[in-house]
N, C-alpha and C. Protein backbone atom coordinates (compact mmCIF):
# COMPACT_ATOMS: atom_id res chain seq x y z
N MET A 1 -12.95 55.51 9.74
CA MET A 1 -13.56 54.25 9.43
C MET A 1 -12.51 53.21 9.06
N MET A 2 -12.81 51.97 9.39
CA MET A 2 -11.89 50.88 9.04
C MET A 2 -12.27 50.33 7.68
N ASP A 3 -11.22 50.04 6.93
CA ASP A 3 -11.46 49.39 5.64
C ASP A 3 -11.55 47.89 5.85
N VAL A 4 -12.62 47.31 5.43
CA VAL A 4 -12.83 45.87 5.54
C VAL A 4 -12.61 45.28 4.15
N PRO A 5 -11.67 44.36 4.04
CA PRO A 5 -11.44 43.78 2.72
C PRO A 5 -12.66 42.97 2.28
N SER A 6 -13.06 43.24 1.07
CA SER A 6 -14.21 42.49 0.55
C SER A 6 -13.73 41.13 0.06
N SER A 7 -14.53 40.15 0.31
CA SER A 7 -14.16 38.81 -0.15
C SER A 7 -15.23 38.32 -1.12
N SER A 8 -14.77 37.79 -2.19
CA SER A 8 -15.67 37.25 -3.19
C SER A 8 -16.10 35.86 -2.77
N SER A 9 -17.27 35.46 -3.15
CA SER A 9 -17.74 34.13 -2.78
C SER A 9 -17.03 33.06 -3.59
N ASN A 10 -16.38 33.41 -4.68
CA ASN A 10 -15.66 32.43 -5.50
C ASN A 10 -14.26 32.14 -4.98
N VAL A 11 -13.70 33.00 -4.17
CA VAL A 11 -12.35 32.82 -3.65
C VAL A 11 -12.44 32.06 -2.33
N PRO A 12 -11.85 30.85 -2.27
CA PRO A 12 -11.93 30.10 -1.01
C PRO A 12 -11.01 30.71 0.03
N SER A 13 -11.40 30.56 1.27
CA SER A 13 -10.55 31.06 2.35
C SER A 13 -9.33 30.17 2.47
N SER A 14 -8.32 30.66 3.16
CA SER A 14 -7.08 29.90 3.27
C SER A 14 -7.30 28.58 4.03
N GLY A 15 -8.19 28.59 5.00
CA GLY A 15 -8.48 27.36 5.74
C GLY A 15 -9.13 26.31 4.86
N ALA A 16 -10.05 26.74 4.01
CA ALA A 16 -10.70 25.79 3.10
C ALA A 16 -9.71 25.25 2.08
N ARG A 17 -8.78 26.10 1.65
CA ARG A 17 -7.78 25.65 0.69
C ARG A 17 -6.90 24.58 1.31
N TYR A 18 -6.47 24.78 2.56
CA TYR A 18 -5.64 23.80 3.24
C TYR A 18 -6.37 22.48 3.42
N TRP A 19 -7.64 22.54 3.80
CA TRP A 19 -8.40 21.31 3.97
C TRP A 19 -8.57 20.57 2.65
N ARG A 20 -8.73 21.31 1.56
CA ARG A 20 -8.84 20.69 0.25
C ARG A 20 -7.52 20.00 -0.11
N GLU A 21 -6.40 20.65 0.17
CA GLU A 21 -5.10 20.04 -0.12
C GLU A 21 -4.85 18.83 0.77
N ILE A 22 -5.19 18.92 2.03
CA ILE A 22 -5.00 17.79 2.95
C ILE A 22 -5.85 16.61 2.51
N SER A 23 -7.10 16.85 2.15
CA SER A 23 -7.95 15.73 1.72
C SER A 23 -7.48 15.15 0.40
N ALA A 24 -6.91 15.96 -0.48
CA ALA A 24 -6.37 15.43 -1.73
C ALA A 24 -5.16 14.54 -1.47
N VAL A 25 -4.29 14.96 -0.57
CA VAL A 25 -3.12 14.15 -0.23
C VAL A 25 -3.54 12.85 0.44
N LEU A 26 -4.51 12.92 1.35
CA LEU A 26 -4.98 11.70 2.00
C LEU A 26 -5.63 10.74 1.00
N ALA A 27 -6.37 11.28 0.03
CA ALA A 27 -6.98 10.43 -0.99
C ALA A 27 -5.91 9.76 -1.84
N LEU A 28 -4.86 10.48 -2.19
CA LEU A 28 -3.78 9.89 -2.98
C LEU A 28 -3.03 8.83 -2.18
N LYS A 29 -2.81 9.08 -0.90
CA LYS A 29 -2.15 8.08 -0.06
C LYS A 29 -3.01 6.82 0.06
N THR A 30 -4.30 6.99 0.24
CA THR A 30 -5.20 5.84 0.33
C THR A 30 -5.17 5.04 -0.95
N LEU A 31 -5.21 5.72 -2.07
CA LEU A 31 -5.14 5.04 -3.36
C LEU A 31 -3.82 4.31 -3.52
N GLY A 32 -2.72 4.94 -3.11
CA GLY A 32 -1.41 4.30 -3.21
C GLY A 32 -1.30 3.07 -2.33
N PHE A 33 -1.79 3.16 -1.09
CA PHE A 33 -1.75 2.00 -0.20
C PHE A 33 -2.63 0.87 -0.71
N ALA A 34 -3.77 1.20 -1.29
CA ALA A 34 -4.63 0.16 -1.85
C ALA A 34 -3.94 -0.52 -3.03
N LEU A 35 -3.25 0.24 -3.86
CA LEU A 35 -2.54 -0.34 -4.99
C LEU A 35 -1.40 -1.24 -4.52
N ILE A 36 -0.65 -0.79 -3.52
CA ILE A 36 0.43 -1.62 -2.97
C ILE A 36 -0.13 -2.89 -2.37
N TYR A 37 -1.23 -2.79 -1.64
CA TYR A 37 -1.85 -3.97 -1.05
C TYR A 37 -2.26 -4.97 -2.12
N LEU A 38 -2.89 -4.47 -3.19
CA LEU A 38 -3.32 -5.37 -4.25
C LEU A 38 -2.14 -6.01 -4.97
N LEU A 39 -1.06 -5.26 -5.16
CA LEU A 39 0.10 -5.82 -5.83
C LEU A 39 0.79 -6.88 -4.98
N CYS A 40 0.81 -6.70 -3.66
CA CYS A 40 1.50 -7.65 -2.79
C CYS A 40 0.61 -8.79 -2.32
N PHE A 41 -0.65 -8.51 -2.05
CA PHE A 41 -1.52 -9.51 -1.44
C PHE A 41 -2.77 -9.78 -2.27
N GLY A 42 -2.74 -9.46 -3.53
CA GLY A 42 -3.90 -9.65 -4.39
C GLY A 42 -4.25 -11.11 -4.57
N PRO A 43 -5.41 -11.39 -5.08
CA PRO A 43 -5.84 -12.79 -5.22
C PRO A 43 -4.98 -13.57 -6.19
N TRP A 44 -4.33 -12.92 -7.14
CA TRP A 44 -3.49 -13.64 -8.09
C TRP A 44 -2.14 -13.99 -7.49
N ASN A 45 -1.77 -13.44 -6.33
CA ASN A 45 -0.50 -13.75 -5.68
C ASN A 45 -0.61 -14.86 -4.64
N SER A 46 -1.80 -15.21 -4.26
CA SER A 46 -1.94 -16.19 -3.20
C SER A 46 -2.20 -17.58 -3.78
N LEU A 47 -1.46 -18.53 -3.28
CA LEU A 47 -1.65 -19.93 -3.66
C LEU A 47 -2.12 -20.69 -2.43
N GLU A 48 -3.14 -21.46 -2.62
CA GLU A 48 -3.64 -22.26 -1.52
C GLU A 48 -2.80 -23.52 -1.38
N PRO A 49 -2.16 -23.73 -0.24
CA PRO A 49 -1.38 -24.95 -0.06
C PRO A 49 -2.30 -26.16 0.10
N ASN A 50 -1.89 -27.25 -0.48
CA ASN A 50 -2.62 -28.50 -0.28
C ASN A 50 -1.61 -29.59 0.06
N ALA A 51 -2.09 -30.76 0.32
CA ALA A 51 -1.21 -31.84 0.78
C ALA A 51 -0.20 -32.24 -0.29
N ALA A 52 -0.62 -32.27 -1.54
CA ALA A 52 0.29 -32.70 -2.61
C ALA A 52 1.44 -31.70 -2.80
N THR A 53 1.15 -30.42 -2.81
CA THR A 53 2.23 -29.45 -3.00
C THR A 53 3.15 -29.39 -1.79
N MET A 54 2.61 -29.55 -0.59
CA MET A 54 3.46 -29.58 0.61
C MET A 54 4.38 -30.80 0.58
N PHE A 55 3.86 -31.95 0.19
CA PHE A 55 4.68 -33.17 0.11
C PHE A 55 5.80 -33.00 -0.91
N ARG A 56 5.46 -32.46 -2.10
CA ARG A 56 6.49 -32.25 -3.12
C ARG A 56 7.55 -31.26 -2.64
N HIS A 57 7.14 -30.24 -1.95
CA HIS A 57 8.10 -29.24 -1.46
C HIS A 57 9.02 -29.85 -0.40
N LEU A 58 8.46 -30.59 0.53
CA LEU A 58 9.27 -31.15 1.61
C LEU A 58 10.15 -32.30 1.14
N MET A 59 9.73 -33.04 0.15
CA MET A 59 10.49 -34.18 -0.33
C MET A 59 11.33 -33.88 -1.56
N SER A 60 11.42 -32.65 -1.96
CA SER A 60 12.19 -32.31 -3.15
C SER A 60 13.68 -32.50 -2.87
N PRO A 61 14.46 -32.84 -3.88
CA PRO A 61 15.89 -33.07 -3.67
C PRO A 61 16.63 -31.81 -3.24
N ALA A 62 16.12 -30.66 -3.54
CA ALA A 62 16.79 -29.42 -3.14
C ALA A 62 16.79 -29.24 -1.63
N ALA A 63 15.85 -29.85 -0.94
CA ALA A 63 15.78 -29.69 0.51
C ALA A 63 16.89 -30.44 1.22
N GLY A 64 17.39 -31.53 0.64
CA GLY A 64 18.38 -32.34 1.33
C GLY A 64 19.66 -32.53 0.57
N ASN A 65 20.05 -31.60 -0.29
CA ASN A 65 21.24 -31.83 -1.10
C ASN A 65 22.51 -31.38 -0.41
N GLY A 66 22.45 -30.89 0.78
CA GLY A 66 23.64 -30.50 1.52
C GLY A 66 24.26 -29.20 1.03
N SER A 67 23.52 -28.39 0.33
CA SER A 67 24.09 -27.16 -0.19
C SER A 67 24.19 -26.07 0.88
N GLU A 68 23.54 -26.29 2.01
CA GLU A 68 23.62 -25.31 3.08
C GLU A 68 24.94 -25.48 3.82
N THR A 69 25.50 -24.38 4.23
CA THR A 69 26.73 -24.43 4.98
C THR A 69 26.51 -23.87 6.38
N ALA A 70 27.36 -24.28 7.30
CA ALA A 70 27.24 -23.79 8.67
C ALA A 70 27.75 -22.36 8.75
N HIS A 71 27.07 -21.58 9.53
CA HIS A 71 27.46 -20.19 9.73
C HIS A 71 27.88 -20.00 11.17
N ASP A 72 28.79 -19.08 11.38
CA ASP A 72 29.26 -18.81 12.75
C ASP A 72 28.20 -18.14 13.56
């Protein structure tokens, strides 16, 4: 007779364990990407340009002070 290893219902199979680990890693990656997205592109980082701020930026003295040098 062949001995068949008994398996308990509480012990997950190796395939189920791998899928659990894979889904945990994917969940952590998703959470990390969401956090990075919020830190870089969150609503507190975006400024709506308007005519007054564009005019001040383009007409500021720093734009035309000649501090730029020619590069080869």
